[in-house]
């Protein structure tokens, strides 16, 4: 992987792709008192999905070493338990090393949150490509 900021050479997505509006949204969300914030943040399925992405990262990061990064072992555990389609039963050690190399943009041998989110974005793009022309595609309502 020679291009920093890309998840994979065939997936042109920026690793530092956090929306410009994110700091504004977070400032608004965190200014709301805690019980109301929980209702605000967990109100919609997409917001719930974002919360799951964040909490899943932190569930596995910090078991060893830096608590804000996933070691190779932590990433492997996360994949096995949370994304079994990418787990060790589906991927041999050579493929896992290649995945880590592709994800690890800064080459520190760990996967930080931005690198993890880039991976999830790439998977999501793949799902979109797979399902957008599938046989179950419904015509859009006007």
N, C-alpha and C. Protein backbone atom coordinates (compact mmCIF):
# COMPACT_ATOMS: atom_id res chain seq x y z
N UNK A 1 0.86 -1.18 0.00
CA UNK A 1 0.00 0.00 0.00
C UNK A 1 0.89 1.22 0.00
N UNK A 2 0.94 1.93 -1.04
CA UNK A 2 1.84 3.06 -1.12
C UNK A 2 1.18 4.40 -0.99
N UNK A 3 -0.13 4.45 -0.99
CA UNK A 3 -0.83 5.73 -0.99
C UNK A 3 -1.47 5.99 0.35
N UNK A 4 -0.88 6.87 1.15
CA UNK A 4 -1.48 7.22 2.44
C UNK A 4 -2.83 7.86 2.18
N UNK A 5 -3.79 7.51 3.00
CA UNK A 5 -5.11 8.09 2.88
C UNK A 5 -6.08 7.24 2.08
N UNK A 6 -5.64 6.08 1.61
CA UNK A 6 -6.54 5.19 0.90
C UNK A 6 -6.65 3.90 1.66
N UNK A 7 -7.85 3.33 1.70
CA UNK A 7 -8.05 2.07 2.39
C UNK A 7 -7.41 0.93 1.64
N UNK A 8 -7.54 0.97 0.37
CA UNK A 8 -7.04 -0.09 -0.48
C UNK A 8 -6.82 0.54 -1.85
N UNK A 9 -5.82 0.11 -2.58
CA UNK A 9 -5.56 0.76 -3.87
C UNK A 9 -6.79 0.83 -4.78
N UNK A 10 -7.67 -0.15 -4.73
CA UNK A 10 -8.84 -0.12 -5.61
C UNK A 10 -10.01 0.64 -5.00
N UNK A 11 -9.92 1.06 -3.75
CA UNK A 11 -10.98 1.81 -3.10
C UNK A 11 -10.48 3.21 -2.82
N UNK A 12 -10.83 4.16 -3.60
CA UNK A 12 -10.33 5.52 -3.42
C UNK A 12 -11.17 6.23 -2.37
N UNK A 13 -10.78 6.08 -1.14
CA UNK A 13 -11.46 6.77 -0.04
C UNK A 13 -10.41 7.34 0.88
N UNK A 14 -10.60 8.55 1.32
CA UNK A 14 -9.63 9.22 2.14
C UNK A 14 -9.74 8.74 3.58
N UNK A 15 -8.61 8.37 4.18
CA UNK A 15 -8.60 7.90 5.56
C UNK A 15 -8.93 9.01 6.55
N UNK A 16 -8.75 10.22 6.12
CA UNK A 16 -9.02 11.36 7.00
C UNK A 16 -10.29 12.05 6.50
N UNK A 17 -11.34 11.25 6.30
CA UNK A 17 -12.54 11.73 5.63
C UNK A 17 -13.64 12.17 6.57
N UNK A 18 -13.31 12.49 7.82
CA UNK A 18 -14.34 12.93 8.75
C UNK A 18 -15.01 14.17 8.18
N UNK A 19 -16.33 14.21 8.17
CA UNK A 19 -17.02 15.36 7.60
C UNK A 19 -16.68 16.64 8.34
N UNK A 20 -16.63 17.70 7.60
CA UNK A 20 -16.31 19.00 8.20
C UNK A 20 -17.34 19.38 9.26
N UNK A 21 -18.56 18.90 9.11
CA UNK A 21 -19.62 19.24 10.06
C UNK A 21 -19.51 18.46 11.36
N UNK A 22 -18.69 17.43 11.40
CA UNK A 22 -18.62 16.58 12.59
C UNK A 22 -18.32 17.36 13.87
N UNK A 23 -17.31 18.24 13.89
CA UNK A 23 -17.06 18.98 15.15
C UNK A 23 -18.27 19.79 15.58
N UNK A 24 -18.99 20.38 14.64
CA UNK A 24 -20.19 21.13 14.96
C UNK A 24 -21.25 20.21 15.57
N UNK A 25 -21.48 19.06 14.93
CA UNK A 25 -22.48 18.12 15.44
C UNK A 25 -22.11 17.65 16.83
N UNK A 26 -20.84 17.30 17.03
CA UNK A 26 -20.41 16.82 18.34
C UNK A 26 -20.55 17.90 19.40
N UNK A 27 -20.22 19.13 19.05
CA UNK A 27 -20.35 20.23 20.01
C UNK A 27 -21.81 20.40 20.43
N UNK A 28 -22.71 20.30 19.47
CA UNK A 28 -24.14 20.42 19.79
C UNK A 28 -24.59 19.24 20.63
N UNK A 29 -24.22 18.02 20.21
CA UNK A 29 -24.64 16.82 20.93
C UNK A 29 -24.12 16.82 22.36
N UNK A 30 -22.87 17.22 22.56
CA UNK A 30 -22.29 17.16 23.91
C UNK A 30 -22.71 18.34 24.78
N UNK A 31 -23.33 19.37 24.18
CA UNK A 31 -23.82 20.49 24.99
C UNK A 31 -25.17 20.17 25.62
N UNK A 32 -25.81 19.12 25.16
CA UNK A 32 -27.10 18.70 25.70
C UNK A 32 -26.86 17.90 26.99
N UNK A 33 -27.65 18.11 28.06
CA UNK A 33 -27.47 17.33 29.29
C UNK A 33 -27.51 15.82 29.02
N UNK A 34 -26.83 15.06 29.86
CA UNK A 34 -26.60 13.63 29.61
C UNK A 34 -27.85 12.81 29.28
N UNK A 35 -28.93 12.80 30.09
CA UNK A 35 -30.09 11.97 29.71
C UNK A 35 -30.67 12.37 28.35
N UNK A 36 -30.76 13.66 28.09
CA UNK A 36 -31.28 14.12 26.80
C UNK A 36 -30.30 13.78 25.69
N UNK A 37 -29.01 13.84 25.98
CA UNK A 37 -27.99 13.50 24.98
C UNK A 37 -28.13 12.05 24.58
N UNK A 38 -28.38 11.18 25.53
CA UNK A 38 -28.56 9.77 25.20
C UNK A 38 -29.74 9.59 24.25
N UNK A 39 -30.84 10.30 24.50
CA UNK A 39 -31.99 10.21 23.60
C UNK A 39 -31.65 10.79 22.23
N UNK A 40 -30.91 11.92 22.21
CA UNK A 40 -30.53 12.56 20.95
C UNK A 40 -29.61 11.66 20.15
N UNK A 41 -28.59 11.15 20.80
CA UNK A 41 -27.59 10.36 20.10
C UNK A 41 -28.15 9.02 19.66
N UNK A 42 -29.06 8.45 20.43
CA UNK A 42 -29.56 7.11 20.12
C UNK A 42 -30.94 7.14 19.46
N UNK A 43 -31.35 8.28 18.95
CA UNK A 43 -32.70 8.42 18.45
C UNK A 43 -32.95 7.65 17.15
N UNK A 44 -32.01 7.63 16.24
CA UNK A 44 -32.22 7.07 14.90
C UNK A 44 -31.28 5.89 14.66
N UNK A 45 -31.68 4.98 13.78
CA UNK A 45 -30.83 3.81 13.49
C UNK A 45 -29.42 4.18 13.01
N UNK A 46 -29.29 5.20 12.19
CA UNK A 46 -27.96 5.58 11.71
C UNK A 46 -27.09 6.10 12.86
N UNK A 47 -27.69 6.86 13.76
CA UNK A 47 -26.96 7.33 14.93
C UNK A 47 -26.56 6.15 15.82
N UNK A 48 -27.44 5.17 15.95
CA UNK A 48 -27.12 3.97 16.71
C UNK A 48 -25.96 3.22 16.05
N UNK A 49 -25.97 3.13 14.73
CA UNK A 49 -24.89 2.45 14.01
C UNK A 49 -23.56 3.14 14.25
N UNK A 50 -23.55 4.47 14.25
CA UNK A 50 -22.31 5.21 14.52
C UNK A 50 -21.82 4.93 15.93
N UNK A 51 -22.73 4.92 16.88
CA UNK A 51 -22.35 4.63 18.26
C UNK A 51 -21.78 3.22 18.39
N UNK A 52 -22.35 2.26 17.70
CA UNK A 52 -21.84 0.88 17.73
C UNK A 52 -20.44 0.82 17.14
N UNK A 53 -20.20 1.55 16.05
CA UNK A 53 -18.87 1.56 15.46
C UNK A 53 -17.82 2.07 16.46
N UNK A 54 -18.16 3.14 17.16
CA UNK A 54 -17.22 3.73 18.12
C UNK A 54 -17.03 2.81 19.32
N UNK A 55 -18.12 2.33 19.89
CA UNK A 55 -17.99 1.50 21.10
C UNK A 55 -17.33 0.17 20.79
N UNK A 56 -17.54 -0.36 19.60
CA UNK A 56 -16.88 -1.62 19.23
C UNK A 56 -15.38 -1.42 19.16
N UNK A 57 -14.93 -0.32 18.57
CA UNK A 57 -13.49 -0.03 18.52
C UNK A 57 -12.91 -0.01 19.93
N UNK A 58 -13.55 0.73 20.83
CA UNK A 58 -13.01 0.89 22.18
C UNK A 58 -13.18 -0.36 23.05
N UNK A 59 -14.09 -1.21 22.68
CA UNK A 59 -14.24 -2.50 23.38
C UNK A 59 -12.97 -3.35 23.21
N UNK A 60 -12.33 -3.25 22.06
CA UNK A 60 -11.15 -4.08 21.77
C UNK A 60 -9.84 -3.32 21.90
N UNK A 61 -9.82 -2.02 21.67
CA UNK A 61 -8.57 -1.26 21.78
C UNK A 61 -8.17 -1.16 23.25
N UNK A 62 -6.91 -1.12 23.51
CA UNK A 62 -6.43 -0.92 24.86
C UNK A 62 -6.36 -2.16 25.72
N UNK A 63 -6.69 -3.31 25.18
CA UNK A 63 -6.50 -4.53 25.96
C UNK A 63 -5.02 -4.78 26.16
N UNK A 64 -4.24 -4.30 25.21
CA UNK A 64 -2.78 -4.33 25.33
C UNK A 64 -2.24 -3.07 24.67
N UNK A 65 -1.28 -2.45 25.26
CA UNK A 65 -0.67 -1.26 24.66
C UNK A 65 -1.57 -0.03 24.69
N UNK A 66 -1.48 0.75 23.62
CA UNK A 66 -2.19 2.03 23.48
C UNK A 66 -3.70 1.79 23.47
N UNK A 67 -4.41 2.47 24.38
CA UNK A 67 -5.86 2.25 24.48
C UNK A 67 -6.64 2.92 23.35
N UNK A 68 -5.97 3.69 22.53
CA UNK A 68 -6.62 4.36 21.41
C UNK A 68 -6.25 3.74 20.07
N UNK A 69 -5.64 2.55 20.11
CA UNK A 69 -5.26 1.85 18.88
C UNK A 69 -5.50 0.36 19.06
N UNK A 70 -5.72 -0.30 17.93
CA UNK A 70 -5.88 -1.75 17.94
C UNK A 70 -4.55 -2.39 17.56
N UNK A 71 -4.06 -3.26 18.43
CA UNK A 71 -2.88 -4.06 18.06
C UNK A 71 -3.34 -5.10 17.04
N UNK A 72 -2.40 -5.82 16.48
CA UNK A 72 -2.77 -6.87 15.52
C UNK A 72 -3.66 -7.91 16.19
N UNK A 73 -3.33 -8.29 17.42
CA UNK A 73 -4.12 -9.28 18.14
C UNK A 73 -5.52 -8.74 18.45
N UNK A 74 -5.61 -7.48 18.84
CA UNK A 74 -6.91 -6.87 19.12
C UNK A 74 -7.76 -6.79 17.86
N UNK A 75 -7.13 -6.41 16.74
CA UNK A 75 -7.85 -6.34 15.48
C UNK A 75 -8.35 -7.72 15.08
N UNK A 76 -7.50 -8.72 15.24
CA UNK A 76 -7.90 -10.09 14.89
C UNK A 76 -9.10 -10.53 15.74
N UNK A 77 -9.07 -10.22 17.04
CA UNK A 77 -10.19 -10.57 17.91
C UNK A 77 -11.46 -9.84 17.49
N UNK A 78 -11.34 -8.54 17.20
CA UNK A 78 -12.49 -7.76 16.76
C UNK A 78 -13.08 -8.37 15.49
N UNK A 79 -12.24 -8.70 14.52
CA UNK A 79 -12.73 -9.27 13.27
C UNK A 79 -13.41 -10.62 13.51
N UNK A 80 -12.80 -11.46 14.34
CA UNK A 80 -13.37 -12.78 14.60
C UNK A 80 -14.73 -12.69 15.28
N UNK A 81 -14.88 -11.74 16.22
CA UNK A 81 -16.11 -11.67 16.99
C UNK A 81 -17.17 -10.74 16.40
N UNK A 82 -16.74 -9.66 15.76
CA UNK A 82 -17.69 -8.64 15.31
C UNK A 82 -17.92 -8.65 13.79
N UNK A 83 -16.93 -9.11 13.03
CA UNK A 83 -17.04 -9.19 11.56
C UNK A 83 -16.52 -10.55 11.11
N UNK A 84 -17.22 -11.61 11.47
CA UNK A 84 -16.68 -12.95 11.20
C UNK A 84 -16.40 -13.23 9.73
N UNK A 85 -17.03 -12.50 8.83
CA UNK A 85 -16.73 -12.70 7.41
C UNK A 85 -15.27 -12.33 7.11
N UNK A 86 -14.65 -11.50 7.97
CA UNK A 86 -13.24 -11.13 7.82
C UNK A 86 -12.36 -11.82 8.84
N UNK A 87 -12.93 -12.68 9.66
CA UNK A 87 -12.18 -13.32 10.73
C UNK A 87 -11.19 -14.35 10.23
N UNK A 88 -10.43 -14.91 11.17
CA UNK A 88 -9.35 -15.84 10.81
C UNK A 88 -9.85 -17.12 10.16
N UNK A 89 -11.12 -17.46 10.37
CA UNK A 89 -11.66 -18.64 9.70
C UNK A 89 -11.81 -18.40 8.20
N UNK A 90 -11.95 -17.15 7.81
CA UNK A 90 -12.10 -16.79 6.40
C UNK A 90 -10.81 -16.27 5.79
N UNK A 91 -9.84 -15.93 6.61
CA UNK A 91 -8.64 -15.26 6.14
C UNK A 91 -7.41 -15.93 6.75
N UNK A 92 -6.46 -16.33 5.90
CA UNK A 92 -5.24 -16.93 6.44
C UNK A 92 -4.30 -15.83 6.93
N UNK A 93 -3.20 -16.23 7.53
CA UNK A 93 -2.28 -15.28 8.15
C UNK A 93 -1.68 -14.30 7.14
N UNK A 94 -1.38 -14.76 5.94
CA UNK A 94 -0.83 -13.88 4.89
C UNK A 94 -1.85 -12.82 4.51
N UNK A 95 -3.11 -13.22 4.35
CA UNK A 95 -4.15 -12.26 4.01
C UNK A 95 -4.38 -11.27 5.16
N UNK A 96 -4.31 -11.76 6.40
CA UNK A 96 -4.48 -10.87 7.54
C UNK A 96 -3.35 -9.84 7.59
N UNK A 97 -2.11 -10.27 7.35
CA UNK A 97 -0.98 -9.32 7.34
C UNK A 97 -1.16 -8.28 6.24
N UNK A 98 -1.65 -8.72 5.09
CA UNK A 98 -1.88 -7.78 3.99
C UNK A 98 -2.98 -6.77 4.37
N UNK A 99 -4.03 -7.25 5.03
CA UNK A 99 -5.09 -6.35 5.49
C UNK A 99 -4.54 -5.32 6.47
N UNK A 100 -3.77 -5.78 7.46
CA UNK A 100 -3.19 -4.86 8.45
C UNK A 100 -2.30 -3.85 7.75
N UNK A 101 -1.50 -4.30 6.81
CA UNK A 101 -0.61 -3.39 6.07
C UNK A 101 -1.42 -2.34 5.30
N UNK A 102 -2.53 -2.77 4.69
CA UNK A 102 -3.38 -1.82 3.97
C UNK A 102 -4.05 -0.83 4.91
N UNK A 103 -4.45 -1.28 6.08
CA UNK A 103 -5.14 -0.41 7.04
C UNK A 103 -4.19 0.55 7.74
N UNK A 104 -2.98 0.10 7.99
CA UNK A 104 -2.02 0.85 8.82
C UNK A 104 -1.31 1.92 7.99
N UNK A 105 -2.00 3.04 7.76
CA UNK A 105 -1.47 4.10 6.91
C UNK A 105 -0.19 4.72 7.45
N UNK A 106 -0.09 4.89 8.76
CA UNK A 106 1.09 5.54 9.33
C UNK A 106 2.19 4.55 9.70
N UNK A 107 1.98 3.28 9.41
CA UNK A 107 2.98 2.21 9.57
C UNK A 107 3.53 2.11 10.99
N UNK A 108 2.64 2.23 11.98
CA UNK A 108 3.06 2.08 13.38
C UNK A 108 2.71 0.69 13.92
N UNK A 109 2.31 -0.22 13.03
CA UNK A 109 1.96 -1.60 13.35
C UNK A 109 0.71 -1.73 14.23
N UNK A 110 -0.09 -0.68 14.25
CA UNK A 110 -1.37 -0.70 14.96
C UNK A 110 -2.40 0.01 14.09
N UNK A 111 -3.67 -0.20 14.41
CA UNK A 111 -4.76 0.43 13.66
C UNK A 111 -5.43 1.45 14.58
N UNK A 112 -5.29 2.72 14.23
CA UNK A 112 -5.94 3.76 15.04
C UNK A 112 -7.39 3.93 14.59
N UNK A 113 -8.11 4.82 15.25
CA UNK A 113 -9.54 4.96 14.98
C UNK A 113 -9.81 5.40 13.55
N UNK A 114 -9.02 6.34 13.03
CA UNK A 114 -9.24 6.79 11.65
C UNK A 114 -9.02 5.65 10.67
N UNK A 115 -8.02 4.84 10.90
CA UNK A 115 -7.75 3.70 10.03
C UNK A 115 -8.88 2.67 10.11
N UNK A 116 -9.39 2.45 11.31
CA UNK A 116 -10.52 1.54 11.53
C UNK A 116 -11.77 2.04 10.81
N UNK A 117 -12.06 3.33 10.94
CA UNK A 117 -13.24 3.90 10.30
C UNK A 117 -13.10 3.83 8.78
N UNK A 118 -11.90 4.03 8.27
CA UNK A 118 -11.67 3.90 6.84
C UNK A 118 -11.99 2.48 6.38
N UNK A 119 -11.58 1.50 7.16
CA UNK A 119 -11.87 0.09 6.86
C UNK A 119 -13.39 -0.13 6.81
N UNK A 120 -14.10 0.38 7.81
CA UNK A 120 -15.55 0.22 7.83
C UNK A 120 -16.21 0.93 6.65
N UNK A 121 -15.68 2.10 6.29
CA UNK A 121 -16.21 2.83 5.14
C UNK A 121 -16.00 2.02 3.86
N UNK A 122 -14.85 1.41 3.73
CA UNK A 122 -14.56 0.60 2.54
C UNK A 122 -15.48 -0.61 2.47
N UNK A 123 -15.70 -1.25 3.61
CA UNK A 123 -16.62 -2.39 3.64
C UNK A 123 -18.03 -1.94 3.25
N UNK A 124 -18.44 -0.80 3.77
CA UNK A 124 -19.75 -0.25 3.47
C UNK A 124 -19.87 0.06 1.99
N UNK A 125 -18.83 0.60 1.39
CA UNK A 125 -18.84 0.86 -0.05
C UNK A 125 -18.98 -0.44 -0.83
N UNK A 126 -18.30 -1.49 -0.37
CA UNK A 126 -18.43 -2.79 -1.02
C UNK A 126 -19.84 -3.33 -0.91
N UNK A 127 -20.45 -3.21 0.27
CA UNK A 127 -21.84 -3.64 0.44
C UNK A 127 -22.76 -2.87 -0.50
N UNK A 128 -22.53 -1.56 -0.62
CA UNK A 128 -23.35 -0.74 -1.50
C UNK A 128 -23.23 -1.23 -2.94
N UNK A 129 -22.02 -1.49 -3.39
CA UNK A 129 -21.82 -1.98 -4.76
C UNK A 129 -22.52 -3.32 -4.96
N UNK A 130 -22.42 -4.18 -3.97
CA UNK A 130 -23.02 -5.51 -4.06
C UNK A 130 -24.54 -5.43 -4.14
N UNK A 131 -25.14 -4.59 -3.30
CA UNK A 131 -26.59 -4.56 -3.20
C UNK A 131 -27.28 -3.60 -4.17
N UNK A 132 -26.56 -2.62 -4.70
CA UNK A 132 -27.25 -1.60 -5.50
C UNK A 132 -27.83 -2.15 -6.80
N UNK A 133 -27.23 -3.16 -7.37
CA UNK A 133 -27.75 -3.72 -8.61
C UNK A 133 -28.29 -5.13 -8.41
N UNK A 134 -28.57 -5.48 -7.15
CA UNK A 134 -29.05 -6.82 -6.84
C UNK A 134 -30.47 -7.05 -7.31
N UNK A 135 -30.89 -8.31 -7.33
CA UNK A 135 -32.23 -8.65 -7.81
C UNK A 135 -33.35 -8.11 -6.93
N UNK A 136 -33.05 -7.76 -5.70
CA UNK A 136 -34.10 -7.27 -4.80
C UNK A 136 -34.22 -5.75 -4.84
N UNK A 137 -33.52 -5.12 -5.80
CA UNK A 137 -33.58 -3.67 -5.87
C UNK A 137 -35.01 -3.21 -6.18
N UNK A 138 -35.48 -2.30 -5.35
CA UNK A 138 -36.82 -1.78 -5.51
C UNK A 138 -36.74 -0.42 -6.22
N UNK A 139 -37.70 -0.11 -7.11
CA UNK A 139 -37.69 1.21 -7.74
C UNK A 139 -37.91 2.29 -6.68
N UNK A 140 -37.26 3.42 -6.87
CA UNK A 140 -37.42 4.53 -5.93
C UNK A 140 -38.81 5.14 -6.07
N UNK A 141 -39.36 5.49 -4.93
CA UNK A 141 -40.66 6.18 -4.92
C UNK A 141 -40.40 7.65 -5.10
N UNK A 142 -41.24 8.27 -5.86
CA UNK A 142 -41.08 9.72 -6.14
C UNK A 142 -41.88 10.54 -5.18
